[in-house]
């Protein structure tokens, strides 16, 4: 473990000596959190598709008249209870319009939900919940930090990359703002979209670090190598960084719902959710749609939360823990999540910890599997006597007489003959 730190400390200053620091930009913080604590969401049922003119995509749903009519209904509901509609979002994948209502002083979220749930026009009402990124910063290839990556040896990345690199696989990184121009990430993205609103920062740490673990460029003479360096990333900002505190990266129900629906609509093959929070009806239904369509959903396990937190606790979601935790439920996979060098805003690299980055490793591994097999069908192989992932055995058949290098060579020969 110590050698990784020594290599990282030696390599990073040499890499970064001529790199300008990241510019500090204010992100939504305490004020935004307070606003969300005084909001609720209501869902109004959309009319059947055959009754809606021109409804083909969530960004353009129904005609203007029917859209305005639903807005009037929502405004009427809000007025009845002294509330105000602050924003709305169509979700045709679920057959609903989602409206955020601001509450008047003195009315709690629970009281508002109780009132709205009795209204016949409301399909359901729920709180705007908060989710937290599960990562933090602790007090072969020619990428200088490659040997400091735990997966370099444990997952035999340089050997796997001779066989598969995740080429063309679409991975939606739903997280905080990613630095698209980072020298280890530039050119790795097919989409950049923001679902938080307000002032958009130049970049944020958590999302940039998660993206680096998944798909940092390999063999470019810089920094690290991602697990799936040829994957195509969707940078979907649904989270924001707070300036200080124990929970620096936060997300909300509505921002996550918007990003998940966008990922589904734009044919993501993998959705990475390196975050955790309470169960949520709206997010649960959207993830059902994703799973039904064969999208692999990967989430970070939170050992301090009931059932590991949501969405890791949802059946069908691939829940991933930091393997250094030693213990986790049998339904959860263990992957590298400690002393992980990865990309940082400002064209830098830094060391991170947490199940956020363990989940990112698995999202990258699934991209390798999807390139290899061309479908969502997969079996994640485990090391003997544990729940720690064996990346090589997930891709090829290994044995005591044929290790990862041997198995990859055989697979390459077989593929070359096919």
Protein backbone atom coordinates (compact mmCIF):
# COMPACT_ATOMS: atom_id res chain seq x y z
CA UNK A 1 0.00 0.00 0.00
CA UNK A 2 2.84 2.42 0.92
CA UNK A 3 4.52 2.06 -2.45
CA UNK A 4 1.41 3.36 -4.19
CA UNK A 5 1.55 6.54 -2.12
CA UNK A 6 5.27 6.97 -2.76
CA UNK A 7 4.82 6.56 -6.52
CA UNK A 8 1.84 8.90 -6.55
CA UNK A 9 3.63 11.59 -4.55
CA UNK A 10 6.68 11.35 -6.80
CA UNK A 11 4.77 11.34 -10.07
CA UNK A 12 2.04 13.91 -9.53
CA UNK A 13 4.23 17.02 -8.95
CA UNK A 14 6.20 16.21 -12.11
CA UNK A 15 2.99 15.90 -14.07
CA UNK A 16 1.37 18.99 -12.67
CA UNK A 17 4.21 21.49 -12.40
CA UNK A 18 3.08 23.39 -15.51
CA UNK A 19 -0.67 22.94 -14.99
CA UNK A 20 -2.89 25.82 -13.95
CA UNK A 21 -5.04 25.19 -10.88
CA UNK A 22 -8.77 24.69 -11.23
CA UNK A 23 -10.77 27.89 -10.98
CA UNK A 24 -13.04 28.02 -7.94
CA UNK A 25 -16.70 28.44 -8.90
CA UNK A 26 -19.57 28.69 -6.44
CA UNK A 27 -21.94 25.70 -6.65
CA UNK A 28 -25.38 25.20 -5.17
CA UNK A 29 -24.99 24.73 -1.43
CA UNK A 30 -26.84 25.55 1.72
CA UNK A 31 -29.41 27.79 0.05
CA UNK A 32 -30.25 25.16 -2.56
CA UNK A 33 -30.51 22.47 0.10
CA UNK A 34 -32.89 24.64 2.13
CA UNK A 35 -35.02 25.25 -0.95
CA UNK A 36 -35.32 21.54 -1.62
CA UNK A 37 -36.38 20.93 2.01
CA UNK A 38 -39.39 23.23 1.36
CA UNK A 39 -40.48 21.54 -1.88
CA UNK A 40 -42.56 18.52 -2.84
CA UNK A 41 -43.10 16.75 -6.16
CA UNK A 42 -46.45 15.81 -7.65
CA UNK A 43 -47.10 13.57 -10.65
CA UNK A 44 -49.99 14.21 -13.03
CA UNK A 45 -50.91 11.46 -15.45
CA UNK A 46 -50.23 12.17 -19.12
CA UNK A 47 -53.06 11.37 -21.55
CA UNK A 48 -52.54 8.18 -23.61
CA UNK A 49 -50.01 8.59 -26.43
CA UNK A 50 -52.66 8.34 -29.17
CA UNK A 51 -54.39 11.38 -27.66
CA UNK A 52 -51.21 13.50 -27.62
CA UNK A 53 -50.15 15.24 -30.81
CA UNK A 54 -46.50 14.87 -31.77
CA UNK A 55 -45.36 13.07 -28.60
CA UNK A 56 -42.14 11.33 -29.54
CA UNK A 57 -39.51 12.40 -27.02
CA UNK A 58 -39.50 13.65 -23.44
CA UNK A 59 -38.15 17.04 -24.47
CA UNK A 60 -41.07 17.60 -26.83
CA UNK A 61 -44.25 16.08 -25.49
CA UNK A 62 -47.81 16.71 -26.62
CA UNK A 63 -49.05 19.88 -28.25
CA UNK A 64 -48.77 23.31 -26.68
CA UNK A 65 -52.43 23.40 -25.71
CA UNK A 66 -52.38 20.13 -23.74
CA UNK A 67 -49.09 21.11 -22.12
CA UNK A 68 -50.59 24.43 -21.02
CA UNK A 69 -53.68 22.64 -19.74
CA UNK A 70 -51.63 20.36 -17.50
CA UNK A 71 -49.73 23.36 -16.23
CA UNK A 72 -53.06 25.04 -15.35
CA UNK A 73 -54.15 21.92 -13.47
CA UNK A 74 -50.90 21.92 -11.49
CA UNK A 75 -51.25 25.66 -10.75
CA UNK A 76 -54.81 25.06 -9.55
CA UNK A 77 -53.69 22.27 -7.22
CA UNK A 78 -50.91 24.46 -5.84
CA UNK A 79 -53.25 27.40 -5.19
CA UNK A 80 -55.73 25.19 -3.30
CA UNK A 81 -53.09 24.50 -0.69
CA UNK A 82 -51.23 27.82 -0.71
CA UNK A 83 -48.32 26.44 -2.74
CA UNK A 84 -46.59 27.57 -5.94
CA UNK A 85 -45.39 25.63 -9.00
CA UNK A 86 -41.66 26.35 -9.37
CA UNK A 87 -40.68 23.98 -12.20
CA UNK A 88 -41.93 21.05 -14.22
CA UNK A 89 -40.53 18.17 -16.22
CA UNK A 90 -42.27 15.74 -18.60
CA UNK A 91 -41.58 12.05 -18.04
CA UNK A 92 -43.35 10.19 -20.84
CA UNK A 93 -41.34 7.05 -20.05
CA UNK A 94 -43.54 6.83 -16.93
CA UNK A 95 -46.62 8.47 -18.45
CA UNK A 96 -46.47 11.43 -16.04
CA UNK A 97 -45.76 15.14 -15.77
CA UNK A 98 -43.62 15.98 -12.74
CA UNK A 99 -44.18 19.34 -11.01
CA UNK A 100 -42.12 20.80 -8.14
CA UNK A 101 -44.22 22.82 -5.68
CA UNK A 102 -42.82 25.39 -3.24
CA UNK A 103 -44.44 25.16 0.19
CA UNK A 104 -45.74 28.13 2.19
CA UNK A 105 -44.17 28.97 5.57
CA UNK A 106 -45.42 26.74 8.38
CA UNK A 107 -46.39 23.78 6.16
CA UNK A 108 -44.08 20.79 6.50
CA UNK A 109 -43.19 18.40 3.68
CA UNK A 110 -45.07 15.55 5.39
CA UNK A 111 -48.19 17.71 5.83
CA UNK A 112 -48.05 18.80 2.20
CA UNK A 113 -47.71 15.23 0.94
CA UNK A 114 -50.68 14.16 3.07
CA UNK A 115 -52.82 16.95 1.56
CA UNK A 116 -51.73 16.39 -2.02
CA UNK A 117 -52.09 12.61 -1.85
CA UNK A 118 -55.82 13.04 -1.18
CA UNK A 119 -56.27 15.18 -4.30
CA UNK A 120 -57.88 13.10 -7.07
CA UNK A 121 -55.91 14.92 -9.78
CA UNK A 122 -52.57 13.84 -8.27
CA UNK A 123 -51.19 10.44 -9.24
CA UNK A 124 -48.72 10.55 -6.34
CA UNK A 125 -46.83 13.08 -4.23
CA UNK A 126 -43.38 12.69 -2.72
CA UNK A 127 -40.52 14.66 -1.16
CA UNK A 128 -37.52 16.01 -3.05
CA UNK A 129 -34.86 13.75 -1.56
CA UNK A 130 -31.12 14.27 -1.29
CA UNK A 131 -28.43 11.82 -2.43
CA UNK A 132 -24.74 11.79 -1.58
CA UNK A 133 -21.69 10.79 -3.58
CA UNK A 134 -19.89 7.90 -1.87
CA UNK A 135 -16.30 9.04 -2.20
CA UNK A 136 -13.70 11.22 -0.57
CA UNK A 137 -10.08 12.33 -0.53
CA UNK A 138 -7.84 10.76 2.21
CA UNK A 139 -5.47 12.89 4.69
CA UNK A 140 2.86 -2.04 -18.14
CA UNK A 141 1.05 1.01 -19.56
CA UNK A 142 3.11 4.17 -20.03
CA UNK A 143 0.69 6.22 -17.89
CA UNK A 144 2.91 7.41 -15.00
CA UNK A 145 0.39 6.56 -12.25
CA UNK A 146 -0.65 3.24 -13.76
CA UNK A 147 1.38 1.15 -11.31
CA UNK A 148 -0.23 3.04 -8.42
CA UNK A 149 -3.69 1.90 -9.54
CA UNK A 150 -4.93 -1.04 -7.42
CA UNK A 151 -6.70 -2.48 -10.48
CA UNK A 152 -3.46 -2.48 -12.50
CA UNK A 153 -2.34 -5.62 -10.70
CA UNK A 154 -5.53 -6.99 -9.15
CA UNK A 155 -7.48 -6.76 -12.41
CA UNK A 156 -4.54 -7.20 -14.82
CA UNK A 157 -5.71 -4.17 -16.78
CA UNK A 158 -2.84 -4.05 -19.27
CA UNK A 159 -3.51 -7.70 -20.14
CA UNK A 160 -7.27 -7.18 -20.46
CA UNK A 161 -6.72 -4.15 -22.69
CA UNK A 162 -4.96 -6.33 -25.23
CA UNK A 163 -8.33 -8.04 -25.67
CA UNK A 164 -11.03 -5.43 -24.97
CA UNK A 165 -11.13 -1.71 -24.15
CA UNK A 166 -14.88 -1.00 -24.02
CA UNK A 167 -14.78 0.41 -27.53
CA UNK A 168 -17.96 2.29 -28.41
CA UNK A 169 -19.91 1.22 -25.30
CA UNK A 170 -22.09 4.09 -24.03
CA UNK A 171 -21.71 4.80 -20.30
CA UNK A 172 -23.87 7.48 -18.63
CA UNK A 173 -21.93 9.02 -15.73
CA UNK A 174 -24.66 10.66 -13.62
CA UNK A 175 -22.65 12.73 -11.19
CA UNK A 176 -21.25 16.21 -10.57
CA UNK A 177 -19.72 18.34 -13.35
CA UNK A 178 -16.92 16.54 -15.20
CA UNK A 179 -13.90 18.36 -16.63
CA UNK A 180 -14.28 17.40 -20.28
CA UNK A 181 -11.00 19.12 -21.24
CA UNK A 182 -8.85 17.23 -18.74
CA UNK A 183 -5.84 15.87 -20.69
CA UNK A 184 -6.64 12.31 -19.57
CA UNK A 185 -10.34 12.68 -20.52
CA UNK A 186 -10.55 15.01 -23.52
CA UNK A 187 -12.32 13.34 -26.42
CA UNK A 188 -13.89 10.58 -24.29
CA UNK A 189 -17.40 12.10 -24.24
CA UNK A 190 -20.36 11.90 -26.59
CA UNK A 191 -22.75 14.04 -24.50
CA UNK A 192 -22.49 16.85 -21.95
CA UNK A 193 -25.74 17.89 -20.24
CA UNK A 194 -26.67 19.71 -17.04
CA UNK A 195 -29.78 18.90 -14.98
CA UNK A 196 -28.98 20.93 -11.85
CA UNK A 197 -29.44 24.44 -13.24
CA UNK A 198 -28.11 27.70 -11.90
CA UNK A 199 -24.47 28.65 -12.35
CA UNK A 200 -22.63 25.74 -13.96
CA UNK A 201 -19.09 25.30 -12.57
CA UNK A 202 -16.12 24.65 -14.81
CA UNK A 203 -15.66 21.23 -13.20
CA UNK A 204 -16.18 19.34 -9.95
CA UNK A 205 -14.05 16.74 -8.22
CA UNK A 206 -16.38 13.78 -7.69
CA UNK A 207 -17.69 13.49 -11.25
CA UNK A 208 -14.25 14.11 -12.76
CA UNK A 209 -12.72 11.41 -10.53
CA UNK A 210 -15.44 8.85 -11.32
CA UNK A 211 -15.06 9.49 -15.07
CA UNK A 212 -11.31 8.95 -14.83
CA UNK A 213 -11.68 5.55 -13.17
CA UNK A 214 -14.08 4.44 -15.91
CA UNK A 215 -12.47 5.78 -19.05
CA UNK A 216 -9.26 7.80 -18.65
CA UNK A 217 -7.11 7.45 -21.76
CA UNK A 218 -4.60 4.60 -21.77
CA UNK A 219 -1.02 4.73 -23.07
CA UNK A 220 -1.04 8.49 -23.59
CA UNK A 221 1.94 9.15 -21.34
CA UNK A 222 -0.22 10.93 -18.76
CA UNK A 223 -1.76 10.08 -15.40
CA UNK A 224 -3.86 6.93 -15.19
CA UNK A 225 -5.57 4.39 -17.41
CA UNK A 226 -9.33 3.88 -17.15
CA UNK A 227 -10.83 0.41 -16.88
CA UNK A 228 -12.57 0.95 -20.25
CA UNK A 229 -10.46 3.61 -21.99
CA UNK A 230 -12.31 3.32 -25.34
CA UNK A 231 -15.82 3.65 -23.89
CA UNK A 232 -17.97 6.66 -24.82
CA UNK A 233 -19.06 8.64 -21.78
CA UNK A 234 -22.21 10.71 -21.29
CA UNK A 235 -21.37 13.49 -18.84
CA UNK A 236 -24.73 14.06 -17.12
CA UNK A 237 -24.52 16.54 -14.27
CA UNK A 238 -27.23 15.79 -11.69
CA UNK A 239 -25.16 16.53 -8.57
CA UNK A 240 -23.32 19.52 -7.20
CA UNK A 241 -20.49 20.14 -4.78
CA UNK A 242 -20.90 21.99 -1.52
CA UNK A 243 -17.97 24.12 -0.45
CA UNK A 244 -17.36 22.38 2.88
CA UNK A 245 -18.77 19.72 5.16
CA UNK A 246 -18.91 15.96 5.49
CA UNK A 247 -21.17 15.57 2.40
CA UNK A 248 -19.43 17.55 -0.34
CA UNK A 249 -21.32 16.10 -3.34
CA UNK A 250 -25.14 16.10 -3.28
CA UNK A 251 -27.95 15.34 -5.75
CA UNK A 252 -31.76 15.64 -5.68
CA UNK A 253 -34.66 13.46 -6.75
CA UNK A 254 -35.58 15.74 -9.65
CA UNK A 255 -32.06 16.27 -11.03
CA UNK A 256 -31.38 12.53 -10.88
CA UNK A 257 -34.72 11.70 -12.49
CA UNK A 258 -34.04 14.09 -15.37
CA UNK A 259 -30.58 12.63 -15.94
CA UNK A 260 -31.73 8.99 -15.75
CA UNK A 261 -34.54 9.63 -18.23
CA UNK A 262 -32.09 11.40 -20.56
CA UNK A 263 -29.71 8.42 -20.35
CA UNK A 264 -32.52 5.99 -21.21
CA UNK A 265 -33.78 8.17 -24.08
CA UNK A 266 -30.27 8.46 -25.51
CA UNK A 267 -29.55 4.72 -25.50
CA UNK A 268 -27.05 4.46 -22.68
CA UNK A 269 -25.90 0.87 -22.21
CA UNK A 270 -24.60 1.44 -18.68
CA UNK A 271 -25.71 3.96 -16.05
CA UNK A 272 -23.22 4.68 -13.26
CA UNK A 273 -24.69 6.06 -10.01
CA UNK A 274 -21.82 6.57 -7.55
CA UNK A 275 -24.20 7.88 -4.89
CA UNK A 276 -26.63 6.82 -2.19
CA UNK A 277 -29.78 8.04 -0.45
CA UNK A 278 -33.28 7.02 0.62
CA UNK A 279 -35.70 4.92 -1.48
CA UNK A 280 -37.61 7.08 -3.95
CA UNK A 281 -40.75 6.20 -5.95
CA UNK A 282 -39.93 8.31 -9.01
CA UNK A 283 -36.33 7.10 -9.31
CA UNK A 284 -37.41 3.52 -8.64
CA UNK A 285 -39.86 3.58 -11.56
CA UNK A 286 -37.31 5.11 -13.93
CA UNK A 287 -34.73 2.49 -12.99
CA UNK A 288 -37.34 -0.20 -13.67
CA UNK A 289 -37.60 1.16 -17.21
CA UNK A 290 -33.81 1.16 -17.57
CA UNK A 291 -33.45 -2.42 -16.35
CA UNK A 292 -36.34 -3.61 -18.53
CA UNK A 293 -34.53 -2.16 -21.56
CA UNK A 294 -31.37 -4.10 -20.74
CA UNK A 295 -29.37 -1.16 -19.38
CA UNK A 296 -26.83 -2.14 -16.73
CA UNK A 297 -27.23 0.08 -13.65
CA UNK A 298 -24.29 0.25 -11.24
CA UNK A 299 -24.57 1.91 -7.81
CA UNK A 300 -22.37 2.54 -4.77
CA UNK A 301 -23.09 0.54 -1.61
CA UNK A 302 -23.33 2.49 1.66
CA UNK A 303 -22.55 0.29 4.66
CA UNK A 304 -23.97 2.89 7.06
CA UNK A 305 -27.42 3.06 5.37
CA UNK A 306 -30.34 0.62 5.74
CA UNK A 307 -29.96 -2.19 3.17
CA UNK A 308 -26.92 -0.39 1.78
CA UNK A 309 -28.83 2.68 0.62
CA UNK A 310 -30.73 3.37 -2.59
CA UNK A 311 -30.32 2.64 -5.47
CA UNK A 312 -27.82 -0.07 -4.43
CA UNK A 313 -30.62 -1.88 -2.56
CA UNK A 314 -32.86 -2.08 -5.63
CA UNK A 315 -33.17 -5.58 -7.17
CA UNK A 316 -31.48 -5.70 -10.55
CA UNK A 317 -29.04 -2.90 -9.75
CA UNK A 318 -25.39 -3.97 -9.51
CA UNK A 319 -24.36 -2.84 -6.01
CA UNK A 320 -20.64 -2.34 -5.40
CA UNK A 321 -18.69 -1.89 -2.16
CA UNK A 322 -15.14 -0.79 -1.52
CA UNK A 323 -13.42 -4.16 -1.11
CA UNK A 324 -11.26 -2.82 1.73
CA UNK A 325 -14.38 -2.77 3.94
CA UNK A 326 -14.01 -6.56 4.29
CA UNK A 327 -17.71 -7.31 4.92
CA UNK A 328 -20.86 -6.63 2.91
CA UNK A 329 -24.02 -8.57 1.96
CA UNK A 330 -23.89 -11.50 -0.45
CA UNK A 331 -25.80 -9.49 -3.06
CA UNK A 332 -23.05 -6.84 -3.22
CA UNK A 333 -19.79 -7.03 -5.20
CA UNK A 334 -16.40 -5.86 -3.93
CA UNK A 335 -14.06 -3.79 -6.14
CA UNK A 336 -11.05 -1.50 -5.61
CA UNK A 337 -12.10 1.59 -3.66
CA UNK A 338 -9.10 2.69 -1.63
CA UNK A 339 -5.99 4.68 -2.59
CA UNK A 340 -7.28 5.14 -6.14
CA UNK A 341 -5.36 7.64 -8.30
CA UNK A 342 -7.69 9.37 -10.74
CA UNK A 343 -8.40 12.59 -12.61
CA UNK A 344 -9.00 15.90 -10.81
CA UNK A 345 -10.21 19.27 -12.15
CA UNK A 346 -7.51 21.62 -13.36
CA UNK A 347 -5.79 18.93 -15.42
CA UNK A 348 -4.53 17.21 -12.27
CA UNK A 349 -4.61 13.78 -10.65
CA UNK A 350 -5.24 12.89 -7.02
CA UNK A 351 -5.90 9.96 -4.64
CA UNK A 352 -9.49 9.06 -3.67
CA UNK A 353 -11.32 6.55 -1.48
CA UNK A 354 -14.86 5.20 -1.38
CA UNK A 355 -17.47 2.95 -2.93
CA UNK A 356 -18.13 5.67 -5.55
CA UNK A 357 -14.87 4.66 -7.18
CA UNK A 358 -15.44 0.94 -6.61
CA UNK A 359 -18.72 1.33 -8.55
CA UNK A 360 -16.88 3.18 -11.31
CA UNK A 361 -14.46 0.24 -11.65
CA UNK A 362 -17.40 -2.11 -12.19
CA UNK A 363 -19.08 0.23 -14.70
CA UNK A 364 -15.83 0.08 -16.68
CA UNK A 365 -15.65 -3.71 -16.37
CA UNK A 366 -19.22 -4.05 -17.67
CA UNK A 367 -18.22 -1.88 -20.65
CA UNK A 368 -15.46 -4.41 -21.39
CA UNK A 369 -17.98 -7.26 -21.13
CA UNK A 370 -20.46 -5.50 -23.41
CA UNK A 371 -17.81 -4.93 -26.05
CA UNK A 372 -16.84 -8.59 -25.83
CA UNK A 373 -20.35 -10.08 -25.84
CA UNK A 374 -22.49 -7.36 -27.36
CA UNK A 375 -25.32 -7.73 -24.85
CA UNK A 376 -26.33 -7.19 -21.24
CA UNK A 377 -26.02 -10.90 -20.41
CA UNK A 378 -23.08 -11.43 -18.10
CA UNK A 379 -21.79 -13.29 -15.10
CA UNK A 380 -19.51 -11.34 -12.83
CA UNK A 381 -16.89 -13.79 -11.60
CA UNK A 382 -15.62 -13.73 -8.02
CA UNK A 383 -12.40 -14.73 -6.39
CA UNK A 384 -12.53 -17.95 -4.32
CA UNK A 385 -14.03 -17.64 -0.83
CA UNK A 386 -15.31 -14.11 -1.12
CA UNK A 387 -17.36 -11.43 -2.91
CA UNK A 388 -14.39 -9.66 -4.50
CA UNK A 389 -14.58 -9.43 -8.28
CA UNK A 390 -12.22 -11.41 -10.48
CA UNK A 391 -12.11 -9.15 -13.54
CA UNK A 392 -10.15 -11.50 -15.77
CA UNK A 393 -12.38 -14.51 -15.06
CA UNK A 394 -15.41 -12.31 -15.80
CA UNK A 395 -14.14 -11.95 -19.37
CA UNK A 396 -12.32 -15.21 -20.11
CA UNK A 397 -12.05 -18.71 -18.67
CA UNK A 398 -9.06 -18.97 -16.36
CA UNK A 399 -7.79 -21.98 -14.44
CA UNK A 400 -4.91 -23.07 -12.23
CA UNK A 401 -3.05 -24.13 -15.36
CA UNK A 402 -3.95 -21.07 -17.46
CA UNK A 403 -3.74 -17.67 -15.77
CA UNK A 404 -5.14 -14.37 -17.07
CA UNK A 405 -2.33 -13.80 -19.59
CA UNK A 406 -2.68 -17.34 -20.92
CA UNK A 407 -6.49 -17.10 -21.09
CA UNK A 408 -6.37 -13.77 -22.95
CA UNK A 409 -3.91 -15.17 -25.50
CA UNK A 410 -6.20 -18.13 -26.11
CA UNK A 411 -9.23 -15.83 -26.43
CA UNK A 412 -7.37 -13.64 -28.92
CA UNK A 413 -6.46 -16.68 -31.03
CA UNK A 414 -10.06 -17.87 -30.95
CA UNK A 415 -11.39 -14.44 -31.89
CA UNK A 416 -8.84 -14.17 -34.69
CA UNK A 417 -10.09 -17.43 -36.20
CA UNK A 418 -13.79 -16.50 -35.95
